Amino acid sequence: MALWIVATPIGSLDDLGVRARQVLASSSVVAAEDTRHTMVLFEHHGIAGPRLTALHAHNEDDRADQLVALAATADVAIVSDAGTPCISDPGRVLVERAHRAGVEIRSVPGPSALAAALAASGFPAAPSVFLGFPPRKGREGFAREILAHGETLVLYEAPDRVAGLVADLAALQPDREACMCREISKKFEEIRRMPLAALAAELGGRESIRGEVVLVIGPGEPLVEVQSEVAADAGVKDVARALAERWGVPRNVVYQELLSLKDRLR
């Protein structure tokens, strides 16, 4: 009796592991993000028997306790439409409540777009920051915020929004390298690594982009912008202080240079 976290293919249905198939076939209930999607996987592998129940973002809070109670007396599996549950898909609430209830948690590792893209990018995986899907609003501010990290960054993005995201990032750090991984393990798989400016130009020239995208941004210098405002009636010392903060140099050095400039302009 346990709650089984089972990874499923992110592209080719043949990527389902032998152990994953065995666990899914023997579980009393399989909680699936979309039961229709999971049924296609079951039919492909000849899996019959387990009862499918929907567990998605809109019902997980209500259904989690019921599944936890069932997992205390029978094997229950959880799958997402693709990849490993709980990473950027439903399942976290269920797993957390199972932990609190003392239900045994078992994991069947397998496909993960996050791990696949990190490996394919060639960028350092440690340290790295996984950011999930960007927000739909305030994307320019989001781009500035994430580039403040100097380590490898990993994002998921929808195909119709990835060109805009890359353009926002390229405007801030055009030379920082990135790797776009699209349609991983599928027929039209595409893995492209280049500076953000070049990737933005390439994506901007396409009529359309299809398939889910993982964007990996390589390590680089953190984007740091010091904002200093000086009142119109500020004195030379105030100006020197603001410029010293902006430029990262000693205040007295800036102060002496300003005095010299003032003398020359008289």
C-alpha atoms as a PDB file:
ATOM      1  CA  MET A   1       0.000   0.000   0.000  1.00  0.00           C
ATOM      2  CA  ALA A   2       1.564   3.251  -1.147  1.00  0.00           C
ATOM      3  CA  LEU A   3       1.202   6.351  -3.244  1.00  0.00           C
ATOM      4  CA  TRP A   4       3.284   5.832  -6.368  1.00  0.00           C
ATOM      5  CA  ILE A   5       4.622   8.819  -8.313  1.00  0.00           C
ATOM      6  CA  VAL A   6       5.069   7.531 -11.854  1.00  0.00           C
ATOM      7  CA  ALA A   7       6.866   9.374 -14.648  1.00  0.00           C
ATOM      8  CA  THR A   8       5.356   8.987 -18.116  1.00  0.00           C
ATOM      9  CA  PRO A   9       6.707   9.803 -21.597  1.00  0.00           C
ATOM     10  CA  ILE A  10       7.125  13.432 -22.627  1.00  0.00           C
ATOM     11  CA  GLY A  11       7.038  12.507 -26.311  1.00  0.00           C
ATOM     12  CA  SER A  12       7.483   8.985 -27.634  1.00  0.00           C
ATOM     13  CA  LEU A  13       5.075   6.613 -25.885  1.00  0.00           C
ATOM     14  CA  ASP A  14       7.776   3.934 -26.039  1.00  0.00           C
ATOM     15  CA  ASP A  15       9.743   5.804 -23.373  1.00  0.00           C
ATOM     16  CA  LEU A  16       7.555   4.298 -20.636  1.00  0.00           C
ATOM     17  CA  GLY A  17       9.780   2.113 -18.468  1.00  0.00           C
ATOM     18  CA  VAL A  18       9.107  -1.543 -17.653  1.00  0.00           C
ATOM     19  CA  ARG A  19       8.716  -0.854 -13.924  1.00  0.00           C
ATOM     20  CA  ALA A  20       6.387   2.086 -14.577  1.00  0.00           C
ATOM     21  CA  ARG A  21       4.183  -0.160 -16.694  1.00  0.00           C
ATOM     22  CA  GLN A  22       4.089  -2.813 -13.963  1.00  0.00           C
ATOM     23  CA  VAL A  23       3.150  -0.300 -11.267  1.00  0.00           C
ATOM     24  CA  LEU A  24       0.416   1.277 -13.370  1.00  0.00           C
ATOM     25  CA  ALA A  25      -1.043  -2.116 -14.259  1.00  0.00           C
ATOM     26  CA  SER A  26      -1.122  -3.300 -10.643  1.00  0.00           C
ATOM     27  CA  SER A  27      -2.418  -0.127  -8.973  1.00  0.00           C
ATOM     28  CA  SER A  28      -6.011  -0.030  -7.758  1.00  0.00           C
ATOM     29  CA  VAL A  29      -6.438   3.555  -8.940  1.00  0.00           C
ATOM     30  CA  VAL A  30      -4.400   5.784 -11.213  1.00  0.00           C
ATOM     31  CA  ALA A  31      -4.935   9.514 -10.704  1.00  0.00           C
ATOM     32  CA  ALA A  32      -4.335  11.217 -14.036  1.00  0.00           C
ATOM     33  CA  GLU A  33      -4.151  14.846 -15.092  1.00  0.00           C
ATOM     34  CA  ASP A  34      -6.282  14.007 -18.145  1.00  0.00           C
ATOM     35  CA  THR A  35      -7.775  10.514 -18.178  1.00  0.00           C
ATOM     36  CA  ARG A  36      -8.255  10.613 -21.951  1.00  0.00           C
ATOM     37  CA  HIS A  37      -4.571  11.322 -22.484  1.00  0.00           C
ATOM     38  CA  THR A  38      -3.530   8.575 -20.079  1.00  0.00           C
ATOM     39  CA  MET A  39      -5.903   6.085 -21.732  1.00  0.00           C
ATOM     40  CA  VAL A  40      -3.972   6.529 -24.990  1.00  0.00           C
ATOM     41  CA  LEU A  41      -0.798   5.543 -23.137  1.00  0.00           C
ATOM     42  CA  PHE A  42      -2.522   2.542 -21.535  1.00  0.00           C
ATOM     43  CA  GLU A  43      -3.873   1.320 -24.867  1.00  0.00           C
ATOM     44  CA  HIS A  44      -0.457   1.672 -26.499  1.00  0.00           C
ATOM     45  CA  HIS A  45       1.123  -0.554 -23.841  1.00  0.00           C
ATOM     46  CA  GLY A  46      -1.788  -2.914 -23.343  1.00  0.00           C
ATOM     47  CA  ILE A  47      -2.356  -1.823 -19.736  1.00  0.00           C
ATOM     48  CA  ALA A  48      -5.764  -2.892 -18.483  1.00  0.00           C
ATOM     49  CA  GLY A  49      -7.404  -3.052 -15.103  1.00  0.00           C
ATOM     50  CA  PRO A  50      -6.627   0.073 -13.072  1.00  0.00           C
ATOM     51  CA  ARG A  51      -9.428   2.551 -12.549  1.00  0.00           C
ATOM     52  CA  LEU A  52      -8.643   6.022 -13.828  1.00  0.00           C
ATOM     53  CA  THR A  53      -9.685   9.132 -11.925  1.00  0.00           C
ATOM     54  CA  ALA A  54      -9.043  12.744 -12.829  1.00  0.00           C
ATOM     55  CA  LEU A  55      -6.660  14.786 -10.675  1.00  0.00           C
ATOM     56  CA  HIS A  56      -5.888  18.221 -12.038  1.00  0.00           C
ATOM     57  CA  ALA A  57      -5.324  21.782 -10.877  1.00  0.00           C
ATOM     58  CA  HIS A  58      -9.049  22.460 -10.478  1.00  0.00           C
ATOM     59  CA  ASN A  59      -9.966  19.481  -8.290  1.00  0.00           C
ATOM     60  CA  GLU A  60      -6.776  18.387  -6.534  1.00  0.00           C
ATOM     61  CA  ASP A  61      -7.560  20.184  -3.297  1.00  0.00           C
ATOM     62  CA  ASP A  62     -10.953  18.447  -3.037  1.00  0.00           C
ATOM     63  CA  ARG A  63      -9.865  14.989  -4.188  1.00  0.00           C
ATOM     64  CA  ALA A  64      -6.502  14.661  -2.441  1.00  0.00           C
ATOM     65  CA  ASP A  65      -7.835  13.478   0.941  1.00  0.00           C
ATOM     66  CA  GLN A  66      -9.917  10.745  -0.672  1.00  0.00           C
ATOM     67  CA  LEU A  67      -6.904   9.426  -2.570  1.00  0.00           C
ATOM     68  CA  VAL A  68      -4.689   9.605   0.516  1.00  0.00           C
ATOM     69  CA  ALA A  69      -7.204   7.506   2.453  1.00  0.00           C
ATOM     70  CA  LEU A  70      -7.277   4.961  -0.366  1.00  0.00           C
ATOM     71  CA  ALA A  71      -3.478   4.825  -0.544  1.00  0.00           C
ATOM     72  CA  ALA A  72      -3.411   3.754   3.111  1.00  0.00           C
ATOM     73  CA  THR A  73      -4.986   0.418   2.150  1.00  0.00           C
ATOM     74  CA  ALA A  74      -4.185  -0.006  -1.560  1.00  0.00           C
ATOM     75  CA  ASP A  75      -1.684   1.054  -4.201  1.00  0.00           C
ATOM     76  CA  VAL A  76      -2.542   4.368  -5.808  1.00  0.00           C
ATOM     77  CA  ALA A  77      -0.511   5.843  -8.675  1.00  0.00           C
ATOM     78  CA  ILE A  78      -0.366   9.416  -9.880  1.00  0.00           C
ATOM     79  CA  VAL A  79       0.640  10.459 -13.401  1.00  0.00           C
ATOM     80  CA  SER A  80       0.646  13.708 -15.343  1.00  0.00           C
ATOM     81  CA  ASP A  81       0.052  14.113 -19.060  1.00  0.00           C
ATOM     82  CA  ALA A  82       3.793  14.020 -19.656  1.00  0.00           C
ATOM     83  CA  GLY A  83       6.909  13.703 -17.548  1.00  0.00           C
ATOM     84  CA  THR A  84       7.171  13.557 -13.773  1.00  0.00           C
ATOM     85  CA  PRO A  85       4.179  14.657 -11.674  1.00  0.00           C
ATOM     86  CA  CYS A  86       4.534  17.548  -9.212  1.00  0.00           C
ATOM     87  CA  ILE A  87       7.376  19.271 -11.108  1.00  0.00           C
ATOM     88  CA  SER A  88       5.189  21.654 -13.078  1.00  0.00           C
ATOM     89  CA  ASP A  89       1.992  19.605 -13.054  1.00  0.00           C
ATOM     90  CA  PRO A  90      -0.624  18.624 -10.456  1.00  0.00           C
ATOM     91  CA  GLY A  91       0.319  16.263  -7.640  1.00  0.00           C
ATOM     92  CA  ARG A  92       2.177  18.309  -5.064  1.00  0.00           C
ATOM     93  CA  VAL A  93      -0.869  18.779  -2.816  1.00  0.00           C
ATOM     94  CA  LEU A  94      -1.639  15.052  -2.916  1.00  0.00           C
ATOM     95  CA  VAL A  95       1.930  14.057  -2.108  1.00  0.00           C
ATOM     96  CA  GLU A  96       2.218  16.584   0.706  1.00  0.00           C
ATOM     97  CA  ARG A  97      -0.985  15.333   2.355  1.00  0.00           C
ATOM     98  CA  ALA A  98       0.134  11.730   1.952  1.00  0.00           C
ATOM     99  CA  HIS A  99       3.342  12.565   3.809  1.00  0.00           C
ATOM    100  CA  ARG A 100       1.381  14.177   6.634  1.00  0.00           C
ATOM    101  CA  ALA A 101      -0.935  11.171   6.863  1.00  0.00           C
ATOM    102  CA  GLY A 102       1.983   8.772   7.135  1.00  0.00           C
ATOM    103  CA  VAL A 103       1.245   7.089   3.791  1.00  0.00           C
ATOM    104  CA  GLU A 104       4.246   5.472   2.165  1.00  0.00           C
ATOM    105  CA  ILE A 105       5.522   7.371  -0.887  1.00  0.00           C
ATOM    106  CA  ARG A 106       7.196   5.486  -3.723  1.00  0.00           C
ATOM    107  CA  SER A 107       8.705   6.996  -6.873  1.00  0.00           C
ATOM    108  CA  VAL A 108       9.184   5.450 -10.293  1.00  0.00           C
ATOM    109  CA  PRO A 109      11.663   7.771 -12.041  1.00  0.00           C
ATOM    110  CA  GLY A 110      11.576   8.342 -15.743  1.00  0.00           C
ATOM    111  CA  PRO A 111      11.141  11.077 -18.344  1.00  0.00           C
ATOM    112  CA  SER A 112      11.456  14.705 -17.249  1.00  0.00           C
ATOM    113  CA  ALA A 113      11.595  17.663 -19.614  1.00  0.00           C
ATOM    114  CA  LEU A 114      13.587  19.545 -16.984  1.00  0.00           C
ATOM    115  CA  ALA A 115      16.363  16.948 -16.770  1.00  0.00           C
ATOM    116  CA  ALA A 116      16.336  16.247 -20.510  1.00  0.00           C
ATOM    117  CA  ALA A 117      16.736  19.911 -21.435  1.00  0.00           C
ATOM    118  CA  LEU A 118      19.466  20.548 -18.867  1.00  0.00           C
ATOM    119  CA  ALA A 119      21.460  17.621 -20.205  1.00  0.00           C
ATOM    120  CA  ALA A 120      20.944  18.625 -23.845  1.00  0.00           C
ATOM    121  CA  SER A 121      21.902  22.254 -23.230  1.00  0.00           C
ATOM    122  CA  GLY A 122      25.459  21.555 -22.178  1.00  0.00           C
ATOM    123  CA  PHE A 123      25.189  24.186 -19.439  1.00  0.00           C
ATOM    124  CA  PRO A 124      26.129  23.426 -15.818  1.00  0.00           C
ATOM    125  CA  ALA A 125      23.281  21.707 -14.004  1.00  0.00           C
ATOM    126  CA  ALA A 126      24.588  22.702 -10.595  1.00  0.00           C
ATOM    127  CA  PRO A 127      23.844  25.289  -9.541  1.00  0.00           C
ATOM    128  CA  SER A 128      20.705  25.889 -11.551  1.00  0.00           C
ATOM    129  CA  VAL A 129      17.310  27.467 -10.910  1.00  0.00           C
ATOM    130  CA  PHE A 130      14.022  26.004 -12.190  1.00  0.00           C
ATOM    131  CA  LEU A 131      11.440  28.756 -12.717  1.00  0.00           C
ATOM    132  CA  GLY A 132       8.507  26.850 -14.215  1.00  0.00           C
ATOM    133  CA  PHE A 133       6.197  28.843 -16.506  1.00  0.00           C
ATOM    134  CA  PRO A 134       6.610  32.652 -16.636  1.00  0.00           C
ATOM    135  CA  PRO A 135       3.640  34.791 -15.609  1.00  0.00           C
ATOM    136  CA  ARG A 136       1.379  36.072 -18.344  1.00  0.00           C
ATOM    137  CA  LYS A 137       1.550  39.645 -17.066  1.00  0.00           C
ATOM    138  CA  GLY A 138       4.577  41.759 -16.166  1.00  0.00           C
ATOM    139  CA  ARG A 139       6.870  39.740 -18.386  1.00  0.00           C
ATOM    140  CA  GLU A 140       9.467  42.475 -18.909  1.00  0.00           C
ATOM    141  CA  GLY A 141       9.874  42.792 -15.168  1.00  0.00           C
ATOM    142  CA  PHE A 142      10.035  39.007 -14.893  1.00  0.00           C
ATOM    143  CA  ALA A 143      12.826  38.885 -17.464  1.00  0.00           C
ATOM    144  CA  ARG A 144      14.819  41.484 -15.542  1.00  0.00           C
ATOM    145  CA  GLU A 145      14.232  39.648 -12.272  1.00  0.00           C
ATOM    146  CA  ILE A 146      15.409  36.223 -13.452  1.00  0.00           C
ATOM    147  CA  LEU A 147      18.520  37.580 -15.189  1.00  0.00           C
ATOM    148  CA  ALA A 148      19.618  38.855 -11.796  1.00  0.00           C
ATOM    149  CA  HIS A 149      20.612  35.202 -11.252  1.00  0.00           C
ATOM    150  CA  GLY A 150      24.052  34.307 -12.544  1.00  0.00           C
ATOM    151  CA  GLU A 151      23.500  30.540 -12.557  1.00  0.00           C
ATOM    152  CA  THR A 152      21.825  28.326 -15.162  1.00  0.00           C
ATOM    153  CA  LEU A 153      18.092  29.033 -15.490  1.00  0.00           C
ATOM    154  CA  VAL A 154      15.399  26.652 -16.760  1.00  0.00           C
ATOM    155  CA  LEU A 155      11.907  27.726 -17.859  1.00  0.00           C
ATOM    156  CA  TYR A 156       8.917  26.085 -19.484  1.00  0.00           C
ATOM    157  CA  GLU A 157       7.050  28.165 -22.055  1.00  0.00           C
ATOM    158  CA  ALA A 158       4.117  27.859 -24.445  1.00  0.00           C
ATOM    159  CA  PRO A 159       5.020  27.991 -28.151  1.00  0.00           C
ATOM    160  CA  ASP A 160       3.014  31.144 -28.863  1.00  0.00           C
ATOM    161  CA  ARG A 161       4.797  33.105 -26.120  1.00  0.00           C
ATOM    162  CA  VAL A 162       8.390  31.890 -26.323  1.00  0.00           C
ATOM    163  CA  ALA A 163       9.489  34.380 -29.014  1.00  0.00           C
ATOM    164  CA  GLY A 164       8.314  37.315 -26.892  1.00  0.00           C
ATOM    165  CA  LEU A 165      10.039  35.945 -23.803  1.00  0.00           C
ATOM    166  CA  VAL A 166      13.340  35.476 -25.602  1.00  0.00           C
ATOM    167  CA  ALA A 167      13.062  38.986 -27.078  1.00  0.00           C
ATOM    168  CA  ASP A 168      12.598  40.463 -23.580  1.00  0.00           C
ATOM    169  CA  LEU A 169      15.618  38.538 -22.289  1.00  0.00           C
ATOM    170  CA  ALA A 170      17.779  39.441 -25.292  1.00  0.00           C
ATOM    171  CA  ALA A 171      17.049  43.132 -24.809  1.00  0.00           C
ATOM    172  CA  LEU A 172      18.711  42.910 -21.395  1.00  0.00           C
ATOM    173  CA  GLN A 173      21.538  40.422 -21.990  1.00  0.00           C
ATOM    174  CA  PRO A 174      21.968  39.841 -25.739  1.00  0.00           C
ATOM    175  CA  ASP A 175      25.237  37.910 -25.448  1.00  0.00           C
ATOM    176  CA  ARG A 176      24.160  35.468 -22.734  1.00  0.00           C
ATOM    177  CA  GLU A 177      23.783  32.005 -24.232  1.00  0.00           C
ATOM    178  CA  ALA A 178      20.557  30.053 -24.201  1.00  0.00           C
ATOM    179  CA  CYS A 179      19.339  26.692 -25.446  1.00  0.00           C
ATOM    180  CA  MET A 180      15.806  26.146 -26.727  1.00  0.00           C
ATOM    181  CA  CYS A 181      14.617  22.547 -26.466  1.00  0.00           C
ATOM    182  CA  ARG A 182      11.359  21.986 -28.341  1.00  0.00           C
ATOM    183  CA  GLU A 183       9.310  18.821 -28.844  1.00  0.00           C
ATOM    184  CA  ILE A 184      11.778  16.740 -26.795  1.00  0.00           C
ATOM    185  CA  SER A 185      11.810  13.064 -27.902  1.00  0.00           C
ATOM    186  CA  LYS A 186       9.170  13.710 -30.567  1.00  0.00           C
ATOM    187  CA  LYS A 187       9.474  13.487 -34.357  1.00  0.00           C
ATOM    188  CA  PHE A 188      10.263  17.179 -34.848  1.00  0.00           C
ATOM    189  CA  GLU A 189      12.566  17.550 -31.856  1.00  0.00           C
ATOM    190  CA  GLU A 190      14.663  20.724 -32.005  1.00  0.00           C
ATOM    191  CA  ILE A 191      17.568  21.717 -29.776  1.00  0.00           C
ATOM    192  CA  ARG A 192      19.164  25.076 -30.585  1.00  0.00           C
ATOM    193  CA  ARG A 193      21.882  26.791 -28.550  1.00  0.00           C
ATOM    194  CA  MET A 194      23.095  30.318 -29.300  1.00  0.00           C
ATOM    195  CA  PRO A 195      23.261  33.832 -27.760  1.00  0.00           C
ATOM    196  CA  LEU A 196      19.896  35.251 -26.731  1.00  0.00           C
ATOM    197  CA  ALA A 197      20.068  37.959 -29.410  1.00  0.00           C
ATOM    198  CA  ALA A 198      20.559  35.386 -32.168  1.00  0.00           C
ATOM    199  CA  LEU A 199      17.808  33.150 -30.802  1.00  0.00           C
ATOM    200  CA  ALA A 200      15.433  36.123 -30.573  1.00  0.00           C
ATOM    201  CA  ALA A 201      16.120  37.023 -34.206  1.00  0.00           C
ATOM    202  CA  GLU A 202      15.589  33.449 -35.344  1.00  0.00           C
ATOM    203  CA  LEU A 203      12.328  32.952 -33.464  1.00  0.00           C
ATOM    204  CA  GLY A 204      11.067  36.360 -34.516  1.00  0.00           C
ATOM    205  CA  GLY A 205      11.472  35.354 -38.141  1.00  0.00           C
ATOM    206  CA  ARG A 206       9.338  32.232 -37.877  1.00  0.00           C
ATOM    207  CA  GLU A 207       5.691  32.252 -38.919  1.00  0.00           C
ATOM    208  CA  SER A 208       4.759  29.927 -36.069  1.00  0.00           C
ATOM    209  CA  ILE A 209       6.268  27.769 -33.345  1.00  0.00           C
ATOM    210  CA  ARG A 210       4.707  24.491 -32.280  1.00  0.00           C
ATOM    211  CA  GLY A 211       5.126  22.217 -29.307  1.00  0.00           C
ATOM    212  CA  GLU A 212       6.018  22.831 -25.690  1.00  0.00           C
ATOM    213  CA  VAL A 213       9.360  24.526 -25.147  1.00  0.00           C
ATOM    214  CA  VAL A 214      11.994  24.299 -22.444  1.00  0.00           C
ATOM    215  CA  LEU A 215      14.309  27.302 -22.422  1.00  0.00           C
ATOM    216  CA  VAL A 216      17.657  26.889 -20.689  1.00  0.00           C
ATOM    217  CA  ILE A 217      19.646  30.071 -20.097  1.00  0.00           C
ATOM    218  CA  GLY A 218      23.323  29.529 -19.468  1.00  0.00           C
ATOM    219  CA  PRO A 219      25.261  31.035 -16.579  1.00  0.00           C
ATOM    220  CA  GLY A 220      26.395  34.627 -16.918  1.00  0.00           C
ATOM    221  CA  GLU A 221      26.987  37.850 -15.094  1.00  0.00           C
ATOM    222  CA  PRO A 222      23.991  38.738 -12.903  1.00  0.00           C
ATOM    223  CA  LEU A 223      22.027  41.661 -14.250  1.00  0.00           C
ATOM    224  CA  VAL A 224      22.448  44.402 -11.667  1.00  0.00           C
ATOM    225  CA  GLU A 225      21.113  47.902 -12.127  1.00  0.00           C
ATOM    226  CA  VAL A 226      21.620  50.506  -9.446  1.00  0.00           C
ATOM    227  CA  GLN A 227      18.947  53.144  -9.516  1.00  0.00           C
ATOM    228  CA  SER A 228      20.072  56.479  -8.054  1.00  0.00           C
ATOM    229  CA  GLU A 229      17.997  59.640  -8.136  1.00  0.00           C
ATOM    230  CA  VAL A 230      19.317  63.091  -7.263  1.00  0.00           C
ATOM    231  CA  ALA A 231      17.146  66.098  -6.618  1.00  0.00           C
ATOM    232  CA  ALA A 232      17.545  69.088  -8.910  1.00  0.00           C
ATOM    233  CA  ASP A 233      18.874  71.225  -6.040  1.00  0.00           C
ATOM    234  CA  ALA A 234      21.301  68.586  -4.720  1.00  0.00           C
ATOM    235  CA  GLY A 235      24.828  69.588  -3.826  1.00  0.00           C
ATOM    236  CA  VAL A 236      28.066  68.207  -5.231  1.00  0.00           C
ATOM    237  CA  LYS A 237      28.376  65.715  -2.353  1.00  0.00           C
ATOM    238  CA  ASP A 238      24.920  64.326  -3.068  1.00  0.00           C
ATOM    239  CA  VAL A 239      25.725  63.934  -6.752  1.00  0.00           C
ATOM    240  CA  ALA A 240      29.030  62.270  -5.891  1.00  0.00           C
ATOM    241  CA  ARG A 241      27.298  59.820  -3.573  1.00  0.00           C
ATOM    242  CA  ALA A 242      24.763  58.826  -6.229  1.00  0.00           C
ATOM    243  CA  LEU A 243      27.392  58.393  -8.951  1.00  0.00           C
ATOM    244  CA  ALA A 244      29.663  56.419  -6.623  1.00  0.00           C
ATOM    245  CA  GLU A 245      26.819  53.980  -5.935  1.00  0.00           C
ATOM    246  CA  ARG A 246      25.999  53.672  -9.616  1.00  0.00           C
ATOM    247  CA  TRP A 247      29.596  53.228 -10.770  1.00  0.00           C
ATOM    248  CA  GLY A 248      30.894  51.257  -7.793  1.00  0.00           C
ATOM    249  CA  VAL A 249      33.841  53.570  -7.128  1.00  0.00           C
ATOM    250  CA  PRO A 250      34.929  55.450  -3.968  1.00  0.00           C
ATOM    251  CA  ARG A 251      32.803  58.487  -3.240  1.00  0.00           C
ATOM    252  CA  ASN A 252      35.790  60.747  -2.532  1.00  0.00           C
ATOM    253  CA  VAL A 253      37.254  59.960  -5.964  1.00  0.00           C
ATOM    254  CA  VAL A 254      34.013  60.971  -7.685  1.00  0.00           C
ATOM    255  CA  TYR A 255      33.759  64.064  -5.485  1.00  0.00           C
ATOM    256  CA  GLN A 256      37.239  65.304  -6.466  1.00  0.00           C
ATOM    257  CA  GLU A 257      36.520  64.689 -10.156  1.00  0.00           C
ATOM    258  CA  LEU A 258      33.308  66.686  -9.910  1.00  0.00           C
ATOM    259  CA  LEU A 259      35.133  69.581  -8.241  1.00  0.00           C
ATOM    260  CA  SER A 260      37.708  69.534 -11.033  1.00  0.00           C
ATOM    261  CA  LEU A 261      34.954  69.511 -13.644  1.00  0.00           C
ATOM    262  CA  LYS A 262      33.241  72.397 -11.902  1.00  0.00           C
ATOM    263  CA  ASP A 263      36.472  74.472 -11.990  1.00  0.00           C
ATOM    264  CA  ARG A 264      37.020  73.743 -15.689  1.00  0.00           C
ATOM    265  CA  LEU A 265      33.502  74.764 -16.617  1.00  0.00           C
ATOM    266  CA  ARG A 266      33.655  78.146 -14.874  1.00  0.00           C
END
